[in-house]
Amino acid sequence: MGARRMGIILRKSGGIILAVAGAALVIRVIPFYLWPLLLGALLIWGGWQLYIYDRYY
């Protein structure tokens, strides 16, 4: 039981570390004028996810 819990904690913390590193890389690389485009794409994706939520969940 303890080994399984430790594996879950390591996997989740590793995922968080990779996500933060990826976000930091994207923030450093993308020029300022592309941020509205990225935000628009994120809002479209989020809206689509809300629209299809009932179909899959």
PDB file of N, CA and C in Angstrom:
ATOM      1  N   MET A   1       0.820  -1.195   0.000  1.00  0.00           N
ATOM      2  CA  MET A   1       0.000   0.000   0.000  1.00  0.00           C
ATOM      3  C   MET A   1       0.862   1.255   0.000  1.00  0.00           C
ATOM      4  N   GLY A   2       1.891   1.284   0.813  1.00  0.00           N
ATOM      5  CA  GLY A   2       2.752   2.459   0.900  1.00  0.00           C
ATOM      6  C   GLY A   2       3.533   2.707  -0.378  1.00  0.00           C
ATOM      7  N   ALA A   3       3.996   1.616  -1.012  1.00  0.00           N
ATOM      8  CA  ALA A   3       4.759   1.766  -2.254  1.00  0.00           C
ATOM      9  C   ALA A   3       3.871   2.299  -3.371  1.00  0.00           C
ATOM     10  N   ARG A   4       2.613   1.854  -3.395  1.00  0.00           N
ATOM     11  CA  ARG A   4       1.694   2.332  -4.429  1.00  0.00           C
ATOM     12  C   ARG A   4       1.407   3.820  -4.253  1.00  0.00           C
ATOM     13  N   ARG A   5       1.179   4.233  -3.000  1.00  0.00           N
ATOM     14  CA  ARG A   5       0.932   5.643  -2.729  1.00  0.00           C
ATOM     15  C   ARG A   5       2.140   6.494  -3.091  1.00  0.00           C
ATOM     16  N   MET A   6       3.342   5.997  -2.788  1.00  0.00           N
ATOM     17  CA  MET A   6       4.557   6.732  -3.130  1.00  0.00           C
ATOM     18  C   MET A   6       4.696   6.864  -4.642  1.00  0.00           C
ATOM     19  N   GLY A   7       4.361   5.810  -5.384  1.00  0.00           N
ATOM     20  CA  GLY A   7       4.425   5.868  -6.848  1.00  0.00           C
ATOM     21  C   GLY A   7       3.453   6.885  -7.416  1.00  0.00           C
ATOM     22  N   ILE A   8       2.261   6.961  -6.840  1.00  0.00           N
ATOM     23  CA  ILE A   8       1.266   7.935  -7.294  1.00  0.00           C
ATOM     24  C   ILE A   8       1.749   9.346  -7.026  1.00  0.00           C
ATOM     25  N   ILE A   9       2.316   9.564  -5.837  1.00  0.00           N
ATOM     26  CA  ILE A   9       2.819  10.905  -5.487  1.00  0.00           C
ATOM     27  C   ILE A   9       3.962  11.302  -6.408  1.00  0.00           C
ATOM     28  N   LEU A  10       4.869  10.368  -6.682  1.00  0.00           N
ATOM     29  CA  LEU A  10       5.988  10.680  -7.582  1.00  0.00           C
ATOM     30  C   LEU A  10       5.503  10.979  -8.993  1.00  0.00           C
ATOM     31  N   ARG A  11       4.528  10.213  -9.474  1.00  0.00           N
ATOM     32  CA  ARG A  11       4.004  10.441 -10.830  1.00  0.00           C
ATOM     33  C   ARG A  11       3.321  11.791 -10.929  1.00  0.00           C
ATOM     34  N   LYS A  12       2.506  12.132  -9.936  1.00  0.00           N
ATOM     35  CA  LYS A  12       1.799  13.416  -9.970  1.00  0.00           C
ATOM     36  C   LYS A  12       2.759  14.583  -9.828  1.00  0.00           C
ATOM     37  N   SER A  13       3.726  14.479  -8.926  1.00  0.00           N
ATOM     38  CA  SER A  13       4.681  15.579  -8.766  1.00  0.00           C
ATOM     39  C   SER A  13       5.557  15.726 -10.009  1.00  0.00           C
ATOM     40  N   GLY A  14       5.909  14.614 -10.635  1.00  0.00           N
ATOM     41  CA  GLY A  14       6.662  14.691 -11.891  1.00  0.00           C
ATOM     42  C   GLY A  14       5.858  15.366 -12.984  1.00  0.00           C
ATOM     43  N   GLY A  15       4.568  15.074 -13.044  1.00  0.00           N
ATOM     44  CA  GLY A  15       3.702  15.729 -14.024  1.00  0.00           C
ATOM     45  C   GLY A  15       3.594  17.223 -13.793  1.00  0.00           C
ATOM     46  N   ILE A  16       3.497  17.615 -12.537  1.00  0.00           N
ATOM     47  CA  ILE A  16       3.422  19.046 -12.214  1.00  0.00           C
ATOM     48  C   ILE A  16       4.716  19.746 -12.584  1.00  0.00           C
ATOM     49  N   ILE A  17       5.845  19.116 -12.282  1.00  0.00           N
ATOM     50  CA  ILE A  17       7.141  19.715 -12.626  1.00  0.00           C
ATOM     51  C   ILE A  17       7.281  19.872 -14.139  1.00  0.00           C
ATOM     52  N   LEU A  18       6.888  18.852 -14.897  1.00  0.00           N
ATOM     53  CA  LEU A  18       6.962  18.957 -16.357  1.00  0.00           C
ATOM     54  C   LEU A  18       6.024  20.043 -16.891  1.00  0.00           C
ATOM     55  N   ALA A  19       4.829  20.154 -16.317  1.00  0.00           N
ATOM     56  CA  ALA A  19       3.887  21.181 -16.767  1.00  0.00           C
ATOM     57  C   ALA A  19       4.420  22.578 -16.489  1.00  0.00           C
ATOM     58  N   VAL A  20       4.994  22.796 -15.319  1.00  0.00           N
ATOM     59  CA  VAL A  20       5.548  24.111 -14.979  1.00  0.00           C
ATOM     60  C   VAL A  20       6.735  24.435 -15.879  1.00  0.00           C
ATOM     61  N   ALA A  21       7.593  23.453 -16.134  1.00  0.00           N
ATOM     62  CA  ALA A  21       8.739  23.687 -17.011  1.00  0.00           C
ATOM     63  C   ALA A  21       8.275  24.008 -18.436  1.00  0.00           C
ATOM     64  N   GLY A  22       7.263  23.303 -18.916  1.00  0.00           N
ATOM     65  CA  GLY A  22       6.732  23.580 -20.249  1.00  0.00           C
ATOM     66  C   GLY A  22       6.103  24.959 -20.332  1.00  0.00           C
ATOM     67  N   ALA A  23       5.355  25.347 -19.306  1.00  0.00           N
ATOM     68  CA  ALA A  23       4.738  26.676 -19.294  1.00  0.00           C
ATOM     69  C   ALA A  23       5.799  27.766 -19.259  1.00  0.00           C
ATOM     70  N   ALA A  24       6.845  27.568 -18.467  1.00  0.00           N
ATOM     71  CA  ALA A  24       7.923  28.558 -18.404  1.00  0.00           C
ATOM     72  C   ALA A  24       8.625  28.693 -19.748  1.00  0.00           C
ATOM     73  N   LEU A  25       8.825  27.583 -20.427  1.00  0.00           N
ATOM     74  CA  LEU A  25       9.458  27.616 -21.744  1.00  0.00           C
ATOM     75  C   LEU A  25       8.594  28.360 -22.747  1.00  0.00           C
ATOM     76  N   VAL A  26       7.302  28.081 -22.752  1.00  0.00           N
ATOM     77  CA  VAL A  26       6.393  28.756 -23.683  1.00  0.00           C
ATOM     78  C   VAL A  26       6.333  30.248 -23.387  1.00  0.00           C
ATOM     79  N   ILE A  27       6.264  30.615 -22.121  1.00  0.00           N
ATOM     80  CA  ILE A  27       6.177  32.031 -21.756  1.00  0.00           C
ATOM     81  C   ILE A  27       7.422  32.780 -22.196  1.00  0.00           C
ATOM     82  N   ARG A  28       8.593  32.142 -22.076  1.00  0.00           N
ATOM     83  CA  ARG A  28       9.831  32.807 -22.483  1.00  0.00           C
ATOM     84  C   ARG A  28       9.979  32.921 -24.002  1.00  0.00           C
ATOM     85  N   VAL A  29       9.424  31.971 -24.750  1.00  0.00           N
ATOM     86  CA  VAL A  29       9.676  31.899 -26.192  1.00  0.00           C
ATOM     87  C   VAL A  29       8.682  32.725 -27.004  1.00  0.00           C
ATOM     88  N   ILE A  30       7.407  32.737 -26.606  1.00  0.00           N
ATOM     89  CA  ILE A  30       6.379  33.396 -27.415  1.00  0.00           C
ATOM     90  C   ILE A  30       6.513  34.921 -27.316  1.00  0.00           C
ATOM     91  N   PRO A  31       6.587  35.614 -28.453  1.00  0.00           N
ATOM     92  CA  PRO A  31       6.643  37.077 -28.432  1.00  0.00           C
ATOM     93  C   PRO A  31       5.327  37.667 -27.913  1.00  0.00           C
ATOM     94  N   PHE A  32       5.401  38.891 -27.443  1.00  0.00           N
ATOM     95  CA  PHE A  32       4.248  39.539 -26.808  1.00  0.00           C
ATOM     96  C   PHE A  32       3.058  39.656 -27.755  1.00  0.00           C
ATOM     97  N   TYR A  33       3.288  39.902 -29.033  1.00  0.00           N
ATOM     98  CA  TYR A  33       2.178  40.114 -29.963  1.00  0.00           C
ATOM     99  C   TYR A  33       1.421  38.830 -30.290  1.00  0.00           C
ATOM    100  N   LEU A  34       1.956  37.674 -29.941  1.00  0.00           N
ATOM    101  CA  LEU A  34       1.252  36.413 -30.181  1.00  0.00           C
ATOM    102  C   LEU A  34       0.374  35.973 -29.007  1.00  0.00           C
ATOM    103  N   TRP A  35       0.479  36.646 -27.873  1.00  0.00           N
ATOM    104  CA  TRP A  35      -0.320  36.267 -26.709  1.00  0.00           C
ATOM    105  C   TRP A  35      -1.819  36.372 -26.946  1.00  0.00           C
ATOM    106  N   PRO A  36      -2.328  37.433 -27.614  1.00  0.00           N
ATOM    107  CA  PRO A  36      -3.774  37.459 -27.888  1.00  0.00           C
ATOM    108  C   PRO A  36      -4.228  36.292 -28.760  1.00  0.00           C
ATOM    109  N   LEU A  37      -3.400  35.878 -29.713  1.00  0.00           N
ATOM    110  CA  LEU A  37      -3.732  34.727 -30.551  1.00  0.00           C
ATOM    111  C   LEU A  37      -3.809  33.454 -29.710  1.00  0.00           C
ATOM    112  N   LEU A  38      -2.844  33.269 -28.829  1.00  0.00           N
ATOM    113  CA  LEU A  38      -2.840  32.105 -27.952  1.00  0.00           C
ATOM    114  C   LEU A  38      -4.043  32.118 -27.009  1.00  0.00           C
ATOM    115  N   LEU A  39      -4.364  33.282 -26.468  1.00  0.00           N
ATOM    116  CA  LEU A  39      -5.518  33.403 -25.578  1.00  0.00           C
ATOM    117  C   LEU A  39      -6.813  33.104 -26.330  1.00  0.00           C
ATOM    118  N   GLY A  40      -6.934  33.593 -27.559  1.00  0.00           N
ATOM    119  CA  GLY A  40      -8.116  33.317 -28.369  1.00  0.00           C
ATOM    120  C   GLY A  40      -8.270  31.830 -28.645  1.00  0.00           C
ATOM    121  N   ALA A  41      -7.171  31.169 -28.985  1.00  0.00           N
ATOM    122  CA  ALA A  41      -7.223  29.724 -29.233  1.00  0.00           C
ATOM    123  C   ALA A  41      -7.615  28.974 -27.965  1.00  0.00           C
ATOM    124  N   LEU A  42      -7.109  29.410 -26.822  1.00  0.00           N
ATOM    125  CA  LEU A  42      -7.459  28.779 -25.553  1.00  0.00           C
ATOM    126  C   LEU A  42      -8.938  28.969 -25.225  1.00  0.00           C
ATOM    127  N   LEU A  43      -9.471  30.145 -25.494  1.00  0.00           N
ATOM    128  CA  LEU A  43     -10.888  30.397 -25.235  1.00  0.00           C
ATOM    129  C   LEU A  43     -11.779  29.583 -26.175  1.00  0.00           C
ATOM    130  N   ILE A  44     -11.378  29.450 -27.432  1.00  0.00           N
ATOM    131  CA  ILE A  44     -12.138  28.621 -28.370  1.00  0.00           C
ATOM    132  C   ILE A  44     -12.130  27.171 -27.912  1.00  0.00           C
ATOM    133  N   TRP A  45     -10.969  26.662 -27.528  1.00  0.00           N
ATOM    134  CA  TRP A  45     -10.872  25.285 -27.055  1.00  0.00           C
ATOM    135  C   TRP A  45     -11.723  25.077 -25.799  1.00  0.00           C
ATOM    136  N   GLY A  46     -11.647  26.013 -24.852  1.00  0.00           N
ATOM    137  CA  GLY A  46     -12.436  25.901 -23.634  1.00  0.00           C
ATOM    138  C   GLY A  46     -13.929  25.941 -23.903  1.00  0.00           C
ATOM    139  N   GLY A  47     -14.347  26.809 -24.810  1.00  0.00           N
ATOM    140  CA  GLY A  47     -15.751  26.874 -25.177  1.00  0.00           C
ATOM    141  C   GLY A  47     -16.231  25.595 -25.834  1.00  0.00           C
ATOM    142  N   TRP A  48     -15.408  25.014 -26.681  1.00  0.00           N
ATOM    143  CA  TRP A  48     -15.772  23.759 -27.327  1.00  0.00           C
ATOM    144  C   TRP A  48     -15.880  22.635 -26.299  1.00  0.00           C
ATOM    145  N   GLN A  49     -14.974  22.620 -25.332  1.00  0.00           N
ATOM    146  CA  GLN A  49     -15.034  21.592 -24.290  1.00  0.00           C
ATOM    147  C   GLN A  49     -16.317  21.714 -23.470  1.00  0.00           C
ATOM    148  N   LEU A  50     -16.734  22.931 -23.182  1.00  0.00           N
ATOM    149  CA  LEU A  50     -17.992  23.122 -22.464  1.00  0.00           C
ATOM    150  C   LEU A  50     -19.180  22.691 -23.314  1.00  0.00           C
ATOM    151  N   TYR A  51     -19.116  22.948 -24.599  1.00  0.00           N
ATOM    152  CA  TYR A  51     -20.204  22.607 -25.510  1.00  0.00           C
ATOM    153  C   TYR A  51     -20.379  21.089 -25.610  1.00  0.00           C
ATOM    154  N   ILE A  52     -19.291  20.328 -25.672  1.00  0.00           N
ATOM    155  CA  ILE A  52     -19.401  18.885 -25.846  1.00  0.00           C
ATOM    156  C   ILE A  52     -19.354  18.131 -24.524  1.00  0.00           C
ATOM    157  N   TYR A  53     -19.394  18.803 -23.405  1.00  0.00           N
ATOM    158  CA  TYR A  53     -19.253  18.152 -22.100  1.00  0.00           C
ATOM    159  C   TYR A  53     -20.305  17.068 -21.875  1.00  0.00           C
ATOM    160  N   ASP A  54     -21.552  17.336 -22.223  1.00  0.00           N
ATOM    161  CA  ASP A  54     -22.627  16.367 -21.971  1.00  0.00           C
ATOM    162  C   ASP A  54     -22.491  15.107 -22.821  1.00  0.00           C
ATOM    163  N   ARG A  55     -21.856  15.186 -23.962  1.00  0.00           N
ATOM    164  CA  ARG A  55     -21.724  14.020 -24.829  1.00  0.00           C
ATOM    165  C   ARG A  55     -20.807  12.963 -24.255  1.00  0.00           C
ATOM    166  N   TYR A  56     -19.769  13.376 -23.575  1.00  0.00           N
ATOM    167  CA  TYR A  56     -18.734  12.431 -23.153  1.00  0.00           C
ATOM    168  C   TYR A  56     -18.708  12.157 -21.667  1.00  0.00           C
ATOM    169  N   TYR A  57     -19.371  12.960 -20.861  1.00  0.00           N
ATOM    170  CA  TYR A  57     -19.287  12.772 -19.400  1.00  0.00           C
ATOM    171  C   TYR A  57     -20.633  12.570 -18.770  1.00  0.00           C
TER     172      TYR A  57
END
